[in-house]
Amino acid sequence: MEQRQVWLVNDVDWLKERHPQWKTLGGITVVESHREVKGKAETYERRYYITNHQARTAQFIAYAIRNHWHIESKLHW
């Protein structure tokens, strides 16, 4: 079983000021994953992403991330 939580922060003007080359920066996303395998092994991960998508929801970004990794995994098989 895997449970994920996704947060999206679109208030990133402060970061654009620090990194003017990131003109299209739209947000920062945090994904927390908690996995349990057969009721025994547990893992916890926190991943950070930057995105150029502006005015999107965390749900949209979560879908985009899962879609990206689904395609990436299929390429290796």
C-alpha atoms as a PDB file:
ATOM      1  CA  MET A   1       0.000   0.000   0.000  1.00  0.00           C
ATOM      2  CA  GLU A   2       1.258   3.455  -0.824  1.00  0.00           C
ATOM      3  CA  GLN A   3      -0.035   6.768   0.404  1.00  0.00           C
ATOM      4  CA  ARG A   4       1.099  10.051  -1.126  1.00  0.00           C
ATOM      5  CA  GLN A   5       0.600  13.642  -0.157  1.00  0.00           C
ATOM      6  CA  VAL A   6       1.375  16.470  -2.553  1.00  0.00           C
ATOM      7  CA  TRP A   7       1.856  20.159  -1.832  1.00  0.00           C
ATOM      8  CA  LEU A   8       2.299  22.888  -4.408  1.00  0.00           C
ATOM      9  CA  VAL A   9       3.581  26.390  -3.674  1.00  0.00           C
ATOM     10  CA  ASN A  10       3.080  28.969  -6.413  1.00  0.00           C
ATOM     11  CA  ASP A  11       4.343  31.967  -4.425  1.00  0.00           C
ATOM     12  CA  VAL A  12       7.916  31.744  -5.745  1.00  0.00           C
ATOM     13  CA  ASP A  13       8.771  35.357  -6.607  1.00  0.00           C
ATOM     14  CA  TRP A  14      11.422  35.325  -3.865  1.00  0.00           C
ATOM     15  CA  LEU A  15      13.128  32.397  -5.591  1.00  0.00           C
ATOM     16  CA  LYS A  16      12.949  34.046  -9.012  1.00  0.00           C
ATOM     17  CA  GLU A  17      14.711  37.077  -7.514  1.00  0.00           C
ATOM     18  CA  ARG A  18      17.532  34.844  -6.259  1.00  0.00           C
ATOM     19  CA  HIS A  19      17.755  32.973  -9.579  1.00  0.00           C
ATOM     20  CA  PRO A  20      16.881  35.399 -12.386  1.00  0.00           C
ATOM     21  CA  GLN A  21      17.715  32.733 -14.995  1.00  0.00           C
ATOM     22  CA  TRP A  22      14.622  30.795 -13.821  1.00  0.00           C
ATOM     23  CA  LYS A  23      12.222  33.173 -15.561  1.00  0.00           C
ATOM     24  CA  THR A  24       9.561  30.517 -16.174  1.00  0.00           C
ATOM     25  CA  LEU A  25       9.562  29.082 -12.643  1.00  0.00           C
ATOM     26  CA  GLY A  26       5.942  28.523 -11.682  1.00  0.00           C
ATOM     27  CA  GLY A  27       6.093  26.588  -8.429  1.00  0.00           C
ATOM     28  CA  ILE A  28       7.710  24.158  -6.030  1.00  0.00           C
ATOM     29  CA  THR A  29       6.148  20.783  -5.337  1.00  0.00           C
ATOM     30  CA  VAL A  30       6.733  18.446  -2.395  1.00  0.00           C
ATOM     31  CA  VAL A  31       5.658  14.804  -2.586  1.00  0.00           C
ATOM     32  CA  GLU A  32       5.663  12.629   0.536  1.00  0.00           C
ATOM     33  CA  SER A  33       5.312   8.874   0.017  1.00  0.00           C
ATOM     34  CA  HIS A  34       4.699   6.309   2.718  1.00  0.00           C
ATOM     35  CA  ARG A  35       4.841   2.674   1.549  1.00  0.00           C
ATOM     36  CA  GLU A  36       4.061  -0.555   3.328  1.00  0.00           C
ATOM     37  CA  VAL A  37       4.845  -3.894   1.675  1.00  0.00           C
ATOM     38  CA  LYS A  38       2.905  -6.933   2.893  1.00  0.00           C
ATOM     39  CA  GLY A  39       2.330  -5.251   6.213  1.00  0.00           C
ATOM     40  CA  LYS A  40       6.039  -5.341   7.053  1.00  0.00           C
ATOM     41  CA  ALA A  41       8.539  -3.113   5.287  1.00  0.00           C
ATOM     42  CA  GLU A  42       7.905   0.586   5.514  1.00  0.00           C
ATOM     43  CA  THR A  43       9.561   3.366   3.576  1.00  0.00           C
ATOM     44  CA  TYR A  44       9.126   7.091   3.761  1.00  0.00           C
ATOM     45  CA  GLU A  45      10.345   9.503   1.090  1.00  0.00           C
ATOM     46  CA  ARG A  46      10.081  13.214   0.546  1.00  0.00           C
ATOM     47  CA  ARG A  47      10.839  14.480  -2.964  1.00  0.00           C
ATOM     48  CA  TYR A  48      11.039  18.049  -4.209  1.00  0.00           C
ATOM     49  CA  TYR A  49      10.288  19.266  -7.722  1.00  0.00           C
ATOM     50  CA  ILE A  50      10.318  22.610  -9.464  1.00  0.00           C
ATOM     51  CA  THR A  51       7.820  23.303 -12.205  1.00  0.00           C
ATOM     52  CA  ASN A  52       7.114  25.951 -14.793  1.00  0.00           C
ATOM     53  CA  HIS A  53       3.359  25.328 -14.537  1.00  0.00           C
ATOM     54  CA  GLN A  54       1.612  28.356 -13.111  1.00  0.00           C
ATOM     55  CA  ALA A  55      -1.912  28.540 -11.713  1.00  0.00           C
ATOM     56  CA  ARG A  56      -2.220  24.742 -11.513  1.00  0.00           C
ATOM     57  CA  THR A  57      -3.376  22.537  -8.665  1.00  0.00           C
ATOM     58  CA  ALA A  58      -1.427  20.016  -6.619  1.00  0.00           C
ATOM     59  CA  GLN A  59      -3.665  17.341  -8.144  1.00  0.00           C
ATOM     60  CA  PHE A  60      -2.569  18.346 -11.657  1.00  0.00           C
ATOM     61  CA  ILE A  61       1.105  18.266 -10.669  1.00  0.00           C
ATOM     62  CA  ALA A  62       0.715  14.875  -8.941  1.00  0.00           C
ATOM     63  CA  TYR A  63      -0.799  13.453 -12.127  1.00  0.00           C
ATOM     64  CA  ALA A  64       2.006  14.944 -14.245  1.00  0.00           C
ATOM     65  CA  ILE A  65       4.700  13.465 -11.980  1.00  0.00           C
ATOM     66  CA  ARG A  66       3.116   9.991 -11.985  1.00  0.00           C
ATOM     67  CA  ASN A  67       2.672  10.165 -15.754  1.00  0.00           C
ATOM     68  CA  HIS A  68       6.304  11.124 -16.260  1.00  0.00           C
ATOM     69  CA  TRP A  69       7.636   8.243 -14.157  1.00  0.00           C
ATOM     70  CA  HIS A  70       5.209   5.785 -15.756  1.00  0.00           C
ATOM     71  CA  ILE A  71       6.625   6.645 -19.173  1.00  0.00           C
ATOM     72  CA  GLU A  72      10.208   6.572 -17.840  1.00  0.00           C
ATOM     73  CA  SER A  73       9.678   3.086 -16.347  1.00  0.00           C
ATOM     74  CA  LYS A  74       8.129   1.733 -19.560  1.00  0.00           C
ATOM     75  CA  LEU A  75      11.184   2.821 -21.548  1.00  0.00           C
ATOM     76  CA  HIS A  76      13.386   0.506 -19.500  1.00  0.00           C
ATOM     77  CA  TRP A  77      11.213  -2.524 -20.210  1.00  0.00           C
END
